[in-house]
C-alpha atoms as a PDB file:
ATOM      1  CA  MET A   1       2.029   8.348  -8.144  1.00  0.00           C
ATOM      2  CA  GLY A   2       5.336  10.025  -8.412  1.00  0.00           C
ATOM      3  CA  GLN A   3       6.417  13.090 -10.383  1.00  0.00           C
ATOM      4  CA  ILE A   4       8.322  14.394 -13.671  1.00  0.00           C
ATOM      5  CA  VAL A   5      11.431  16.457 -13.199  1.00  0.00           C
ATOM      6  CA  TYR A   6      12.811  17.674 -15.951  1.00  0.00           C
ATOM      7  CA  PHE A   7      15.415  20.104 -17.530  1.00  0.00           C
ATOM      8  CA  SER A   8      14.861  22.145 -20.667  1.00  0.00           C
ATOM      9  CA  SER A   9      17.248  24.693 -22.594  1.00  0.00           C
ATOM     10  CA  ALA A  10      16.102  28.144 -23.740  1.00  0.00           C
ATOM     11  CA  THR A  11      14.679  26.155 -27.013  1.00  0.00           C
ATOM     12  CA  ASN A  12      12.214  24.373 -24.586  1.00  0.00           C
ATOM     13  CA  ASN A  13      11.997  21.184 -26.699  1.00  0.00           C
ATOM     14  CA  THR A  14      11.674  19.098 -23.556  1.00  0.00           C
ATOM     15  CA  LYS A  15       9.505  21.338 -21.717  1.00  0.00           C
ATOM     16  CA  ARG A  16       6.997  21.297 -24.775  1.00  0.00           C
ATOM     17  CA  PHE A  17       7.707  17.437 -24.494  1.00  0.00           C
ATOM     18  CA  VAL A  18       6.767  17.115 -20.809  1.00  0.00           C
ATOM     19  CA  GLU A  19       3.793  19.466 -21.121  1.00  0.00           C
ATOM     20  CA  LYS A  20       2.308  17.228 -23.675  1.00  0.00           C
ATOM     21  CA  LEU A  21       2.289  14.283 -21.056  1.00  0.00           C
ATOM     22  CA  GLY A  22      -0.028  16.437 -19.105  1.00  0.00           C
ATOM     23  CA  MET A  23       1.195  15.006 -15.828  1.00  0.00           C
ATOM     24  CA  PRO A  24       2.404  16.603 -12.464  1.00  0.00           C
ATOM     25  CA  ALA A  25       6.190  18.106 -13.501  1.00  0.00           C
ATOM     26  CA  ARG A  26       8.832  20.267 -12.113  1.00  0.00           C
ATOM     27  CA  ARG A  27      11.684  22.098 -14.013  1.00  0.00           C
ATOM     28  CA  ILE A  28      15.555  22.428 -12.895  1.00  0.00           C
ATOM     29  CA  PRO A  29      16.078  26.040 -13.257  1.00  0.00           C
ATOM     30  CA  LEU A  30      17.914  27.043 -16.213  1.00  0.00           C
ATOM     31  CA  ARG A  31      19.805  29.942 -14.931  1.00  0.00           C
ATOM     32  CA  PRO A  32      22.080  29.629 -12.041  1.00  0.00           C
ATOM     33  CA  THR A  33      20.446  33.003 -10.261  1.00  0.00           C
ATOM     34  CA  GLU A  34      17.277  31.126 -10.048  1.00  0.00           C
ATOM     35  CA  GLU A  35      16.159  29.128  -6.903  1.00  0.00           C
ATOM     36  CA  PRO A  36      17.556  25.739  -7.053  1.00  0.00           C
ATOM     37  CA  LEU A  37      14.978  22.744  -7.282  1.00  0.00           C
ATOM     38  CA  HIS A  38      14.684  20.534  -4.150  1.00  0.00           C
ATOM     39  CA  VAL A  39      12.211  17.458  -4.397  1.00  0.00           C
ATOM     40  CA  GLU A  40      10.487  15.497  -1.584  1.00  0.00           C
ATOM     41  CA  GLU A  41       9.122  12.682  -3.658  1.00  0.00           C
ATOM     42  CA  GLU A  42      10.022  10.129  -6.055  1.00  0.00           C
ATOM     43  CA  TYR A  43      10.253  11.261  -9.611  1.00  0.00           C
ATOM     44  CA  VAL A  44      11.451  10.235 -13.012  1.00  0.00           C
ATOM     45  CA  LEU A  45      13.871  12.793 -14.843  1.00  0.00           C
ATOM     46  CA  ILE A  46      13.323  13.687 -18.324  1.00  0.00           C
ATOM     47  CA  VAL A  47      16.795  15.109 -19.876  1.00  0.00           C
ATOM     48  CA  PRO A  48      18.199  16.420 -23.338  1.00  0.00           C
ATOM     49  CA  THR A  49      21.309  15.526 -24.339  1.00  0.00           C
ATOM     50  CA  TYR A  50      23.861  18.141 -24.807  1.00  0.00           C
ATOM     51  CA  GLY A  51      27.222  18.113 -26.358  1.00  0.00           C
ATOM     52  CA  GLY A  52      26.764  17.777 -29.973  1.00  0.00           C
ATOM     53  CA  GLY A  53      27.572  14.391 -29.945  1.00  0.00           C
ATOM     54  CA  ASN A  54      30.404  14.452 -27.620  1.00  0.00           C
ATOM     55  CA  VAL A  55      30.460  12.391 -24.490  1.00  0.00           C
ATOM     56  CA  LYS A  56      31.927  15.264 -22.263  1.00  0.00           C
ATOM     57  CA  GLY A  57      29.013  17.747 -21.679  1.00  0.00           C
ATOM     58  CA  ALA A  58      26.169  15.260 -22.831  1.00  0.00           C
ATOM     59  CA  VAL A  59      24.461  15.692 -19.190  1.00  0.00           C
ATOM     60  CA  PRO A  60      23.568  19.461 -18.819  1.00  0.00           C
ATOM     61  CA  LYS A  61      25.406  21.220 -15.991  1.00  0.00           C
ATOM     62  CA  GLN A  62      22.348  22.201 -14.381  1.00  0.00           C
ATOM     63  CA  VAL A  63      21.051  18.693 -14.011  1.00  0.00           C
ATOM     64  CA  VAL A  64      24.642  17.550 -12.656  1.00  0.00           C
ATOM     65  CA  LYS A  65      24.230  20.296 -10.014  1.00  0.00           C
ATOM     66  CA  PHE A  66      20.677  19.154  -9.202  1.00  0.00           C
ATOM     67  CA  LEU A  67      21.906  15.420  -9.081  1.00  0.00           C
ATOM     68  CA  ASN A  68      25.087  16.275  -6.938  1.00  0.00           C
ATOM     69  CA  ASP A  69      22.057  17.151  -3.876  1.00  0.00           C
ATOM     70  CA  GLU A  70      21.987  13.876  -2.432  1.00  0.00           C
ATOM     71  CA  ARG A  71      18.616  14.318  -1.392  1.00  0.00           C
ATOM     72  CA  ASN A  72      17.085  14.883  -5.055  1.00  0.00           C
ATOM     73  CA  ARG A  73      19.666  11.843  -6.210  1.00  0.00           C
ATOM     74  CA  SER A  74      18.016   9.501  -3.703  1.00  0.00           C
ATOM     75  CA  LEU A  75      14.678  10.124  -4.991  1.00  0.00           C
ATOM     76  CA  ILE A  76      15.180   9.474  -8.482  1.00  0.00           C
ATOM     77  CA  ARG A  77      13.453   6.141  -9.868  1.00  0.00           C
ATOM     78  CA  GLY A  78      14.096   6.585 -13.656  1.00  0.00           C
ATOM     79  CA  VAL A  79      15.297   8.544 -16.543  1.00  0.00           C
ATOM     80  CA  ILE A  80      14.005   9.516 -20.113  1.00  0.00           C
ATOM     81  CA  SER A  81      16.171  11.075 -22.476  1.00  0.00           C
ATOM     82  CA  GLY A  82      15.654  13.395 -25.408  1.00  0.00           C
ATOM     83  CA  GLY A  83      18.432  13.862 -28.167  1.00  0.00           C
ATOM     84  CA  ASN A  84      18.949  14.371 -31.890  1.00  0.00           C
ATOM     85  CA  THR A  85      19.885  11.270 -33.938  1.00  0.00           C
ATOM     86  CA  ASN A  86      22.267  13.576 -35.758  1.00  0.00           C
ATOM     87  CA  PHE A  87      24.411  12.891 -32.699  1.00  0.00           C
ATOM     88  CA  GLY A  88      24.961   9.155 -33.924  1.00  0.00           C
ATOM     89  CA  ALA A  89      26.281   7.064 -30.981  1.00  0.00           C
ATOM     90  CA  ALA A  90      25.948  10.228 -28.582  1.00  0.00           C
ATOM     91  CA  TYR A  91      21.950   9.902 -29.640  1.00  0.00           C
ATOM     92  CA  CYS A  92      20.230  10.193 -25.901  1.00  0.00           C
ATOM     93  CA  LEU A  93      23.716   9.743 -24.291  1.00  0.00           C
ATOM     94  CA  ALA A  94      22.618  11.825 -21.312  1.00  0.00           C
ATOM     95  CA  GLY A  95      19.777   9.456 -20.282  1.00  0.00           C
ATOM     96  CA  GLU A  96      22.397   6.455 -20.426  1.00  0.00           C
ATOM     97  CA  ILE A  97      25.272   8.385 -18.087  1.00  0.00           C
ATOM     98  CA  VAL A  98      22.409   9.212 -15.601  1.00  0.00           C
ATOM     99  CA  SER A  99      21.306   5.734 -15.616  1.00  0.00           C
ATOM    100  CA  ALA A 100      24.440   4.253 -14.985  1.00  0.00           C
ATOM    101  CA  LYS A 101      25.376   6.837 -12.370  1.00  0.00           C
ATOM    102  CA  CYS A 102      22.270   6.648 -10.435  1.00  0.00           C
ATOM    103  CA  LYS A 103      21.520   2.890 -10.904  1.00  0.00           C
ATOM    104  CA  VAL A 104      17.966   3.537 -12.207  1.00  0.00           C
ATOM    105  CA  PRO A 105      16.458   2.418 -15.554  1.00  0.00           C
ATOM    106  CA  HIS A 106      16.829   4.303 -18.679  1.00  0.00           C
ATOM    107  CA  MET A 107      12.878   4.067 -19.501  1.00  0.00           C
ATOM    108  CA  TYR A 108      12.901   5.748 -22.855  1.00  0.00           C
ATOM    109  CA  LYS A 109      14.591   7.767 -25.875  1.00  0.00           C
ATOM    110  CA  PHE A 110      12.594  10.220 -27.987  1.00  0.00           C
ATOM    111  CA  GLU A 111      14.067  12.665 -30.647  1.00  0.00           C
ATOM    112  CA  LEU A 112      13.808  16.224 -30.106  1.00  0.00           C
ATOM    113  CA  LEU A 113      10.098  17.369 -29.547  1.00  0.00           C
ATOM    114  CA  GLY A 114       8.862  13.747 -29.551  1.00  0.00           C
ATOM    115  CA  THR A 115       6.341  12.415 -31.763  1.00  0.00           C
ATOM    116  CA  PRO A 116       2.526  11.944 -30.577  1.00  0.00           C
ATOM    117  CA  GLN A 117       3.357   8.372 -30.437  1.00  0.00           C
ATOM    118  CA  ASP A 118       6.291   9.094 -28.043  1.00  0.00           C
ATOM    119  CA  VAL A 119       4.000  11.020 -25.942  1.00  0.00           C
ATOM    120  CA  ALA A 120       1.598   8.361 -25.555  1.00  0.00           C
ATOM    121  CA  ARG A 121       4.028   5.732 -24.978  1.00  0.00           C
ATOM    122  CA  VAL A 122       5.852   7.862 -22.147  1.00  0.00           C
ATOM    123  CA  ARG A 123       2.387   8.916 -20.699  1.00  0.00           C
ATOM    124  CA  GLU A 124       1.133   5.004 -20.373  1.00  0.00           C
ATOM    125  CA  GLY A 125       4.778   3.824 -19.294  1.00  0.00           C
ATOM    126  CA  LEU A 126       4.962   6.095 -16.474  1.00  0.00           C
ATOM    127  CA  GLU A 127       1.314   5.479 -15.356  1.00  0.00           C
ATOM    128  CA  LYS A 128       2.144   1.538 -15.124  1.00  0.00           C
ATOM    129  CA  PHE A 129       5.690   2.123 -13.626  1.00  0.00           C
ATOM    130  CA  TRP A 130       4.190   4.324 -10.618  1.00  0.00           C
ATOM    131  CA  GLN A 131       1.741   1.794 -10.027  1.00  0.00           C
ATOM    132  CA  GLN A 132       4.435  -0.523  -9.187  1.00  0.00           C
ATOM    133  CA  PRO A 133       6.403  -0.721  -5.765  1.00  0.00           C
ATOM    134  CA  HIS A 134       9.898   1.172  -5.752  1.00  0.00           C
END
């Protein structure tokens, strides 16, 4: 079974969502002074959408830096994104961008902290996903 890699801003919305999943997870550092994250096994990325509805800046800079590491990028198997429906067409855009650039499925979208139904669906979906060969 793979792991979850996620990024969460200082608001910790994504962090709280990931914690509710109760699955192995590693966080991409928030601050540039922190040690960069390097993964050694397959993972699904959970990412918030930034930019307030703008395409530019939708993927957090820290996530871009993490994925610019060839080893990290080679092990991504899917992406799940959080967002705010107030962003309109840019809702969960970060997941769409990562999916297209890394050629992996955009597996799920959730708003802000996610609902208990979101948590249950993602947990169940990830359990099934990791049982399949990649």
